[in-house]
Amino acid sequence: MADFADIIAVCPGTYDPVTEGHLDIIRRAGGLFAEVVVGVVAEPRKQTMFGAAERAEFLRQSLGEAARVDVFDTLLVDFARKWKALALVKGLRAISDFEYEFQMAQLNRKLAPDIETVYLMASPEFSFLSSSGVKEIAKFGGKVDDLVPPVVAGRLAELFQ
């Protein structure tokens, strides 16, 4: 594998909605890799609150020029190949994340042995943070302003007022 500074990386996810924890991982990946492409899963296994286009727009508004954002509905390794990416970057919060991510990494390695999966540990202040937790807090009128970017906090306030 080449030096990280020469590699394009993909940060895939549902991002329903994007949280400050997601943004932290994406920005940190940006410091390691030549370019980061944020891949928004168009139709994830679970029902989403926001459509793919809106989730992608939340990311674009939150990241500015820090990363490219693209929606995909293919195998992750095919999406990575589209962008000529040689790394998949995933964030890990807790041991519970690891089991699923380990399985996916092994499947992706089987499909594309030339693409590496790289894990970044969540920063301590975001180790508890999840999109589902944010949605639940917002649903019951809790404050989420410090958990999500302003564009997401505003949209959640619109939905739950």
N, C-alpha and C. Protein backbone atom coordinates (compact mmCIF):
# COMPACT_ATOMS: atom_id res chain seq x y z
N MET A 1 0.85 -1.18 0.00
CA MET A 1 0.00 0.00 0.00
C MET A 1 0.89 1.25 0.00
N ALA A 2 0.49 2.24 -0.74
CA ALA A 2 1.24 3.48 -0.84
C ALA A 2 1.13 4.28 0.46
N ASP A 3 1.89 5.35 0.54
CA ASP A 3 1.80 6.28 1.66
C ASP A 3 0.38 6.84 1.72
N PHE A 4 -0.18 6.97 2.93
CA PHE A 4 -1.55 7.48 3.08
C PHE A 4 -1.74 8.81 2.35
N ALA A 5 -0.72 9.64 2.33
CA ALA A 5 -0.84 10.97 1.72
C ALA A 5 -1.08 10.92 0.22
N ASP A 6 -0.92 9.75 -0.39
CA ASP A 6 -1.15 9.57 -1.82
C ASP A 6 -2.47 8.86 -2.13
N ILE A 7 -3.24 8.56 -1.11
CA ILE A 7 -4.41 7.69 -1.27
C ILE A 7 -5.72 8.45 -1.09
N ILE A 8 -6.68 8.09 -1.92
CA ILE A 8 -8.05 8.58 -1.76
C ILE A 8 -8.76 7.60 -0.83
N ALA A 9 -9.51 8.14 0.12
CA ALA A 9 -10.26 7.32 1.07
C ALA A 9 -11.75 7.61 0.95
N VAL A 10 -12.54 6.61 1.26
CA VAL A 10 -13.99 6.75 1.31
C VAL A 10 -14.42 6.58 2.76
N CYS A 11 -15.25 7.50 3.24
CA CYS A 11 -15.89 7.40 4.56
C CYS A 11 -17.37 7.11 4.32
N PRO A 12 -17.77 5.84 4.34
CA PRO A 12 -19.16 5.51 4.04
C PRO A 12 -20.04 5.57 5.28
N GLY A 13 -21.31 5.80 5.07
CA GLY A 13 -22.25 5.76 6.18
C GLY A 13 -23.65 6.14 5.76
N THR A 14 -24.55 5.94 6.68
CA THR A 14 -25.94 6.33 6.47
C THR A 14 -26.09 7.82 6.77
N TYR A 15 -25.44 8.28 7.82
CA TYR A 15 -25.47 9.69 8.20
C TYR A 15 -26.90 10.20 8.36
N ASP A 16 -27.68 9.50 9.18
CA ASP A 16 -29.10 9.84 9.36
C ASP A 16 -29.43 10.24 10.78
N PRO A 17 -29.11 11.45 11.16
CA PRO A 17 -28.39 12.49 10.44
C PRO A 17 -26.90 12.45 10.80
N VAL A 18 -26.14 13.28 10.10
CA VAL A 18 -24.73 13.42 10.41
C VAL A 18 -24.60 14.05 11.80
N THR A 19 -23.63 13.56 12.57
CA THR A 19 -23.38 14.09 13.91
C THR A 19 -21.98 14.71 13.96
N GLU A 20 -21.70 15.38 15.05
CA GLU A 20 -20.35 15.94 15.24
C GLU A 20 -19.32 14.81 15.32
N GLY A 21 -19.72 13.64 15.77
CA GLY A 21 -18.82 12.49 15.78
C GLY A 21 -18.43 12.05 14.38
N HIS A 22 -19.41 12.00 13.48
CA HIS A 22 -19.11 11.68 12.08
C HIS A 22 -18.15 12.71 11.49
N LEU A 23 -18.45 13.98 11.73
CA LEU A 23 -17.62 15.05 11.16
C LEU A 23 -16.19 14.97 11.70
N ASP A 24 -16.05 14.62 12.96
CA ASP A 24 -14.72 14.47 13.55
C ASP A 24 -13.92 13.39 12.82
N ILE A 25 -14.53 12.25 12.56
CA ILE A 25 -13.85 11.15 11.85
C ILE A 25 -13.49 11.59 10.44
N ILE A 26 -14.41 12.22 9.74
CA ILE A 26 -14.17 12.66 8.35
C ILE A 26 -13.02 13.67 8.30
N ARG A 27 -13.05 14.63 9.20
CA ARG A 27 -11.99 15.65 9.22
C ARG A 27 -10.64 15.05 9.57
N ARG A 28 -10.62 14.15 10.52
CA ARG A 28 -9.35 13.49 10.89
C ARG A 28 -8.83 12.66 9.73
N ALA A 29 -9.73 11.99 9.01
CA ALA A 29 -9.31 11.23 7.82
C ALA A 29 -8.73 12.17 6.78
N GLY A 30 -9.30 13.37 6.67
CA GLY A 30 -8.79 14.36 5.73
C GLY A 30 -7.36 14.76 6.02
N GLY A 31 -6.95 14.67 7.26
CA GLY A 31 -5.58 14.97 7.63
C GLY A 31 -4.62 13.84 7.31
N LEU A 32 -5.14 12.67 7.03
CA LEU A 32 -4.30 11.50 6.75
C LEU A 32 -4.19 11.17 5.27
N PHE A 33 -5.27 11.40 4.54
CA PHE A 33 -5.35 10.96 3.15
C PHE A 33 -5.33 12.15 2.19
N ALA A 34 -4.96 11.86 0.94
CA ALA A 34 -4.90 12.91 -0.09
C ALA A 34 -6.27 13.52 -0.32
N GLU A 35 -7.29 12.70 -0.30
CA GLU A 35 -8.66 13.15 -0.52
C GLU A 35 -9.61 12.22 0.20
N VAL A 36 -10.71 12.78 0.68
CA VAL A 36 -11.75 11.99 1.34
C VAL A 36 -13.06 12.18 0.58
N VAL A 37 -13.68 11.07 0.24
CA VAL A 37 -15.00 11.08 -0.37
C VAL A 37 -15.96 10.50 0.66
N VAL A 38 -16.97 11.27 1.02
CA VAL A 38 -17.97 10.80 1.97
C VAL A 38 -19.07 10.12 1.16
N GLY A 39 -19.25 8.84 1.39
CA GLY A 39 -20.25 8.06 0.67
C GLY A 39 -21.51 7.91 1.50
N VAL A 40 -22.60 8.45 1.01
CA VAL A 40 -23.89 8.37 1.70
C VAL A 40 -24.68 7.20 1.11
N VAL A 41 -25.00 6.23 1.95
CA VAL A 41 -25.74 5.06 1.50
C VAL A 41 -27.16 5.50 1.12
N ALA A 42 -27.53 5.26 -0.13
CA ALA A 42 -28.83 5.72 -0.63
C ALA A 42 -29.98 5.02 0.07
N GLU A 43 -29.92 3.71 0.13
CA GLU A 43 -31.01 2.93 0.71
C GLU A 43 -30.44 1.93 1.70
N PRO A 44 -30.20 2.39 2.93
CA PRO A 44 -29.62 1.49 3.94
C PRO A 44 -30.62 0.41 4.36
N ARG A 45 -30.12 -0.55 5.12
CA ARG A 45 -30.94 -1.66 5.59
C ARG A 45 -32.08 -1.19 6.48
N LYS A 46 -31.85 -0.11 7.21
CA LYS A 46 -32.89 0.39 8.12
C LYS A 46 -33.54 1.64 7.54
N GLN A 47 -34.78 1.90 7.95
CA GLN A 47 -35.51 3.08 7.48
C GLN A 47 -34.81 4.34 7.99
N THR A 48 -34.73 5.35 7.15
CA THR A 48 -34.10 6.60 7.54
C THR A 48 -35.14 7.70 7.76
N MET A 49 -34.77 8.66 8.58
CA MET A 49 -35.63 9.82 8.82
C MET A 49 -35.53 10.80 7.65
N PHE A 50 -34.32 10.91 7.08
CA PHE A 50 -34.05 11.85 6.00
C PHE A 50 -33.69 11.09 4.73
N GLY A 51 -34.11 11.62 3.60
CA GLY A 51 -33.76 11.02 2.32
C GLY A 51 -32.27 11.19 2.02
N ALA A 52 -31.79 10.43 1.07
CA ALA A 52 -30.36 10.45 0.74
C ALA A 52 -29.89 11.83 0.30
N ALA A 53 -30.68 12.52 -0.51
CA ALA A 53 -30.29 13.85 -0.99
C ALA A 53 -30.16 14.83 0.17
N GLU A 54 -31.07 14.78 1.12
CA GLU A 54 -31.00 15.69 2.26
C GLU A 54 -29.83 15.35 3.17
N ARG A 55 -29.58 14.06 3.38
CA ARG A 55 -28.42 13.66 4.20
C ARG A 55 -27.12 14.13 3.55
N ALA A 56 -27.04 14.00 2.22
CA ALA A 56 -25.84 14.45 1.50
C ALA A 56 -25.69 15.97 1.61
N GLU A 57 -26.79 16.68 1.53
CA GLU A 57 -26.72 18.14 1.64
C GLU A 57 -26.31 18.58 3.03
N PHE A 58 -26.78 17.89 4.07
CA PHE A 58 -26.32 18.18 5.43
C PHE A 58 -24.79 18.09 5.49
N LEU A 59 -24.25 17.05 4.88
CA LEU A 59 -22.80 16.84 4.89
C LEU A 59 -22.08 17.93 4.09
N ARG A 60 -22.59 18.25 2.93
CA ARG A 60 -21.96 19.31 2.11
C ARG A 60 -21.92 20.63 2.86
N GLN A 61 -23.03 20.99 3.48
CA GLN A 61 -23.08 22.25 4.22
C GLN A 61 -22.17 22.23 5.44
N SER A 62 -22.03 21.08 6.05
CA SER A 62 -21.22 20.96 7.26
C SER A 62 -19.73 20.88 6.99
N LEU A 63 -19.35 20.29 5.85
CA LEU A 63 -17.94 20.06 5.54
C LEU A 63 -17.34 21.10 4.61
N GLY A 64 -18.15 21.78 3.84
CA GLY A 64 -17.61 22.72 2.86
C GLY A 64 -16.67 22.01 1.90
N GLU A 65 -15.46 22.51 1.77
CA GLU A 65 -14.47 21.95 0.85
C GLU A 65 -13.63 20.83 1.48
N ALA A 66 -13.92 20.47 2.73
CA ALA A 66 -13.09 19.48 3.43
C ALA A 66 -13.20 18.08 2.84
N ALA A 67 -14.28 17.78 2.13
CA ALA A 67 -14.45 16.45 1.54
C ALA A 67 -15.50 16.52 0.44
N ARG A 68 -15.40 15.58 -0.49
CA ARG A 68 -16.45 15.42 -1.50
C ARG A 68 -17.55 14.56 -0.89
N VAL A 69 -18.77 14.78 -1.34
CA VAL A 69 -19.90 13.99 -0.85
C VAL A 69 -20.61 13.41 -2.06
N ASP A 70 -20.92 12.12 -1.99
CA ASP A 70 -21.60 11.45 -3.09
C ASP A 70 -22.52 10.38 -2.51
N VAL A 71 -23.67 10.20 -3.12
CA VAL A 71 -24.63 9.17 -2.72
C VAL A 71 -24.36 7.92 -3.55
N PHE A 72 -24.47 6.74 -2.92
CA PHE A 72 -24.26 5.52 -3.69
C PHE A 72 -25.29 4.45 -3.34
N ASP A 73 -25.54 3.59 -4.33
CA ASP A 73 -26.48 2.48 -4.17
C ASP A 73 -25.90 1.20 -4.76
N THR A 74 -24.60 1.06 -4.58
CA THR A 74 -23.87 -0.11 -5.07
C THR A 74 -23.14 -0.75 -3.90
N LEU A 75 -22.40 -1.80 -4.20
CA LEU A 75 -21.49 -2.34 -3.19
C LEU A 75 -20.49 -1.25 -2.82
N LEU A 76 -20.12 -1.21 -1.57
CA LEU A 76 -19.18 -0.19 -1.11
C LEU A 76 -17.86 -0.26 -1.89
N VAL A 77 -17.36 -1.45 -2.14
CA VAL A 77 -16.09 -1.56 -2.86
C VAL A 77 -16.21 -1.04 -4.30
N ASP A 78 -17.39 -1.20 -4.90
CA ASP A 78 -17.59 -0.65 -6.25
C ASP A 78 -17.62 0.88 -6.20
N PHE A 79 -18.24 1.43 -5.17
CA PHE A 79 -18.24 2.88 -4.98
C PHE A 79 -16.80 3.38 -4.80
N ALA A 80 -16.03 2.67 -3.99
CA ALA A 80 -14.63 3.06 -3.77
C ALA A 80 -13.85 3.01 -5.09
N ARG A 81 -14.07 1.99 -5.88
CA ARG A 81 -13.37 1.89 -7.17
C ARG A 81 -13.76 3.04 -8.10
N LYS A 82 -15.02 3.44 -8.08
CA LYS A 82 -15.48 4.57 -8.89
C LYS A 82 -14.62 5.80 -8.61
N TRP A 83 -14.26 6.00 -7.34
CA TRP A 83 -13.47 7.16 -6.93
C TRP A 83 -11.96 6.86 -6.90
N LYS A 84 -11.56 5.64 -7.31
CA LYS A 84 -10.16 5.22 -7.28
C LYS A 84 -9.59 5.26 -5.86
N ALA A 85 -10.46 4.97 -4.89
CA ALA A 85 -10.07 4.96 -3.49
C ALA A 85 -9.44 3.61 -3.13
N LEU A 86 -8.41 3.67 -2.32
CA LEU A 86 -7.74 2.46 -1.84
C LEU A 86 -7.95 2.23 -0.35
N ALA A 87 -8.74 3.08 0.29
CA ALA A 87 -9.00 2.93 1.72
C ALA A 87 -10.45 3.25 2.04
N LEU A 88 -10.99 2.49 2.97
CA LEU A 88 -12.30 2.74 3.54
C LEU A 88 -12.05 3.15 4.98
N VAL A 89 -12.56 4.29 5.39
CA VAL A 89 -12.34 4.77 6.75
C VAL A 89 -13.64 4.67 7.52
N LYS A 90 -13.56 4.02 8.67
CA LYS A 90 -14.72 3.84 9.53
C LYS A 90 -14.36 4.29 10.94
N GLY A 91 -15.32 4.84 11.63
CA GLY A 91 -15.12 5.22 13.02
C GLY A 91 -15.61 4.12 13.94
N LEU A 92 -14.92 3.96 15.05
CA LEU A 92 -15.33 2.98 16.07
C LEU A 92 -15.55 3.71 17.38
N ARG A 93 -16.71 3.49 18.00
CA ARG A 93 -17.00 4.11 19.29
C ARG A 93 -16.76 3.15 20.43
N ALA A 94 -17.18 1.92 20.27
CA ALA A 94 -17.14 0.96 21.37
C ALA A 94 -16.94 -0.45 20.81
N ILE A 95 -16.74 -1.37 21.70
CA ILE A 95 -16.57 -2.78 21.31
C ILE A 95 -17.76 -3.25 20.49
N SER A 96 -18.95 -2.78 20.82
CA SER A 96 -20.15 -3.21 20.09
C SER A 96 -20.08 -2.85 18.62
N ASP A 97 -19.42 -1.75 18.25
CA ASP A 97 -19.25 -1.40 16.85
C ASP A 97 -18.31 -2.37 16.15
N PHE A 98 -17.33 -2.88 16.88
CA PHE A 98 -16.25 -3.64 16.27
C PHE A 98 -16.74 -4.93 15.61
N GLU A 99 -17.63 -5.66 16.25
CA GLU A 99 -18.06 -6.95 15.70
C GLU A 99 -18.65 -6.80 14.30
N TYR A 100 -19.58 -5.87 14.14
CA TYR A 100 -20.18 -5.65 12.83
C TYR A 100 -19.14 -5.15 11.84
N GLU A 101 -18.35 -4.18 12.24
CA GLU A 101 -17.34 -3.60 11.34
C GLU A 101 -16.29 -4.62 10.93
N PHE A 102 -15.93 -5.51 11.83
CA PHE A 102 -14.97 -6.57 11.52
C PHE A 102 -15.53 -7.48 10.42
N GLN A 103 -16.79 -7.87 10.56
CA GLN A 103 -17.43 -8.72 9.55
C GLN A 103 -17.45 -8.03 8.19
N MET A 104 -17.84 -6.77 8.18
CA MET A 104 -17.91 -6.03 6.92
C MET A 104 -16.52 -5.87 6.30
N ALA A 105 -15.53 -5.61 7.12
CA ALA A 105 -14.16 -5.46 6.60
C ALA A 105 -13.69 -6.74 5.94
N GLN A 106 -14.01 -7.87 6.53
CA GLN A 106 -13.59 -9.15 5.96
C GLN A 106 -14.31 -9.43 4.63
N LEU A 107 -15.60 -9.10 4.58
CA LEU A 107 -16.34 -9.28 3.32
C LEU A 107 -15.78 -8.35 2.24
N ASN A 108 -15.52 -7.10 2.61
CA ASN A 108 -14.96 -6.16 1.64
C ASN A 108 -13.58 -6.59 1.17
N ARG A 109 -12.79 -7.14 2.07
CA ARG A 109 -11.45 -7.64 1.70
C ARG A 109 -11.57 -8.81 0.72
N LYS A 110 -12.56 -9.65 0.92
CA LYS A 110 -12.79 -10.77 0.00
C LYS A 110 -13.15 -10.25 -1.40
N LEU A 111 -14.00 -9.22 -1.44
CA LEU A 111 -14.44 -8.66 -2.71
C LEU A 111 -13.38 -7.79 -3.38
N ALA A 112 -12.57 -7.12 -2.57
CA ALA A 112 -11.58 -6.17 -3.10
C ALA A 112 -10.33 -6.17 -2.22
N PRO A 113 -9.45 -7.15 -2.42
CA PRO A 113 -8.26 -7.24 -1.56
C PRO A 113 -7.32 -6.04 -1.68
N ASP A 114 -7.49 -5.24 -2.71
CA ASP A 114 -6.63 -4.06 -2.90
C ASP A 114 -7.11 -2.84 -2.11
N ILE A 115 -8.28 -2.93 -1.50
CA ILE A 115 -8.83 -1.81 -0.74
C ILE A 115 -8.76 -2.15 0.75
N GLU A 116 -8.05 -1.31 1.51
CA GLU A 116 -7.88 -1.52 2.94
C GLU A 116 -8.96 -0.82 3.74
N THR A 117 -9.36 -1.41 4.85
CA THR A 117 -10.25 -0.75 5.80
C THR A 117 -9.40 -0.20 6.94
N VAL A 118 -9.60 1.06 7.24
CA VAL A 118 -8.85 1.75 8.29
C VAL A 118 -9.85 2.24 9.32
N TYR A 119 -9.57 1.98 10.59
CA TYR A 119 -10.46 2.40 11.66
C TYR A 119 -9.85 3.55 12.43
N LEU A 120 -10.67 4.55 12.71
CA LEU A 120 -10.28 5.64 13.59
C LEU A 120 -11.16 5.56 14.84
N MET A 121 -10.53 5.58 15.97
CA MET A 121 -11.28 5.54 17.23
C MET A 121 -11.99 6.88 17.43
N ALA A 122 -13.21 6.83 17.91
CA ALA A 122 -13.95 8.05 18.19
C ALA A 122 -13.20 8.87 19.23
N SER A 123 -13.21 10.17 19.04
CA SER A 123 -12.66 11.06 20.06
C SER A 123 -13.51 10.88 21.33
N PRO A 124 -12.90 10.97 22.50
CA PRO A 124 -13.64 10.71 23.75
C PRO A 124 -14.95 11.47 23.88
N GLU A 125 -14.96 12.74 23.44
CA GLU A 125 -16.18 13.52 23.60
C GLU A 125 -17.31 13.06 22.69
N PHE A 126 -17.01 12.19 21.73
CA PHE A 126 -18.04 11.69 20.81
C PHE A 126 -18.26 10.18 20.93
N SER A 127 -17.63 9.54 21.88
CA SER A 127 -17.69 8.08 21.98
C SER A 127 -19.08 7.56 22.31
N PHE A 128 -19.95 8.41 22.83
CA PHE A 128 -21.31 8.03 23.19
C PHE A 128 -22.32 8.39 22.11
N LEU A 129 -21.90 9.14 21.11
CA LEU A 129 -22.81 9.81 20.19
C LEU A 129 -23.25 8.90 19.04
N SER A 130 -24.55 8.85 18.80
CA SER A 130 -25.09 8.10 17.66
C SER A 130 -26.23 8.88 17.04
N SER A 131 -26.45 8.64 15.76
CA SER A 131 -27.57 9.29 15.07
C SER A 131 -28.90 8.92 15.69
N SER A 132 -29.05 7.65 16.06
CA SER A 132 -30.33 7.22 16.66
C SER A 132 -30.55 7.91 18.00
N GLY A 133 -29.49 8.09 18.79
CA GLY A 133 -29.62 8.80 20.06
C GLY A 133 -30.01 10.25 19.84
N VAL A 134 -29.41 10.89 18.84
CA VAL A 134 -29.73 12.29 18.53
C VAL A 134 -31.20 12.40 18.13
N LYS A 135 -31.69 11.50 17.30
CA LYS A 135 -33.08 11.56 16.86
C LYS A 135 -34.04 11.39 18.05
N GLU A 136 -33.69 10.51 18.96
CA GLU A 136 -34.55 10.29 20.12
C GLU A 136 -34.57 11.52 21.03
N ILE A 137 -33.41 12.11 21.27
CA ILE A 137 -33.36 13.32 22.08
C ILE A 137 -34.20 14.42 21.44
N ALA A 138 -34.03 14.62 20.14
CA ALA A 138 -34.78 15.66 19.43
C ALA A 138 -36.29 15.39 19.47
N LYS A 139 -36.65 14.15 19.30
CA LYS A 139 -38.08 13.77 19.29
C LYS A 139 -38.77 14.16 20.59
N PHE A 140 -38.05 14.06 21.70
CA PHE A 140 -38.64 14.36 22.99
C PHE A 140 -38.29 15.76 23.49
N GLY A 141 -37.86 16.63 22.55
CA GLY A 141 -37.66 18.03 22.88
C GLY A 141 -36.34 18.38 23.51
N GLY A 142 -35.39 17.45 23.51
CA GLY A 142 -34.09 17.73 24.10
C GLY A 142 -33.22 18.57 23.19
N LYS A 143 -32.20 19.15 23.77
CA LYS A 143 -31.28 20.02 23.04
C LYS A 143 -30.20 19.17 22.35
N VAL A 144 -30.04 19.36 21.03
CA VAL A 144 -29.04 18.60 20.27
C VAL A 144 -28.02 19.51 19.59
N ASP A 145 -28.07 20.81 19.88
CA ASP A 145 -27.22 21.78 19.20
C ASP A 145 -25.73 21.47 19.26
N ASP A 146 -25.27 20.87 20.34
CA ASP A 146 -23.84 20.56 20.46
C ASP A 146 -23.50 19.15 19.97
N LEU A 147 -24.50 18.44 19.47
CA LEU A 147 -24.29 17.06 19.00
C LEU A 147 -24.28 16.95 17.48
N VAL A 148 -24.88 17.92 16.82
CA VAL A 148 -25.00 17.89 15.36
C VAL A 148 -24.65 19.27 14.80
N PRO A 149 -24.33 19.33 13.50
CA PRO A 149 -24.08 20.65 12.89
C PRO A 149 -25.36 21.50 12.90
N PRO A 150 -25.20 22.83 12.82
CA PRO A 150 -26.37 23.72 12.89
C PRO A 150 -27.46 23.40 11.88
N VAL A 151 -27.11 23.03 10.65
CA VAL A 151 -28.12 22.73 9.64
C VAL A 151 -29.00 21.55 10.07
N VAL A 152 -28.41 20.58 10.73
CA VAL A 152 -29.17 19.41 11.21
C VAL A 152 -30.02 19.80 12.42
N ALA A 153 -29.42 20.55 13.35
CA ALA A 153 -30.18 20.99 14.53
C ALA A 153 -31.41 21.78 14.11
N GLY A 154 -31.25 22.65 13.11
CA GLY A 154 -32.39 23.43 12.62
C GLY A 154 -33.47 22.56 12.01
N ARG A 155 -33.05 21.58 11.24
CA ARG A 155 -34.03 20.69 10.59
C ARG A 155 -34.75 19.83 11.62
N LEU A 156 -34.03 19.34 12.61
CA LEU A 156 -34.67 18.54 13.66
C LEU A 156 -35.67 19.39 14.44
N ALA A 157 -35.31 20.64 14.70
CA ALA A 157 -36.23 21.55 15.40
C ALA A 157 -37.52 21.75 14.59
N GLU A 158 -37.37 21.88 13.26
CA GLU A 158 -38.56 22.02 12.39
C GLU A 158 -39.46 20.80 12.50
N LEU A 159 -38.85 19.62 12.52
CA LEU A 159 -39.63 18.38 12.53
C LEU A 159 -40.34 18.12 13.85
N PHE A 160 -39.72 18.52 14.95
CA PHE A 160 -40.24 18.12 16.25
C PHE A 160 -40.82 19.26 17.10
N GLN A 161 -41.10 20.40 16.48
CA GLN A 161 -41.73 21.48 17.25
C GLN A 161 -43.22 21.37 17.22
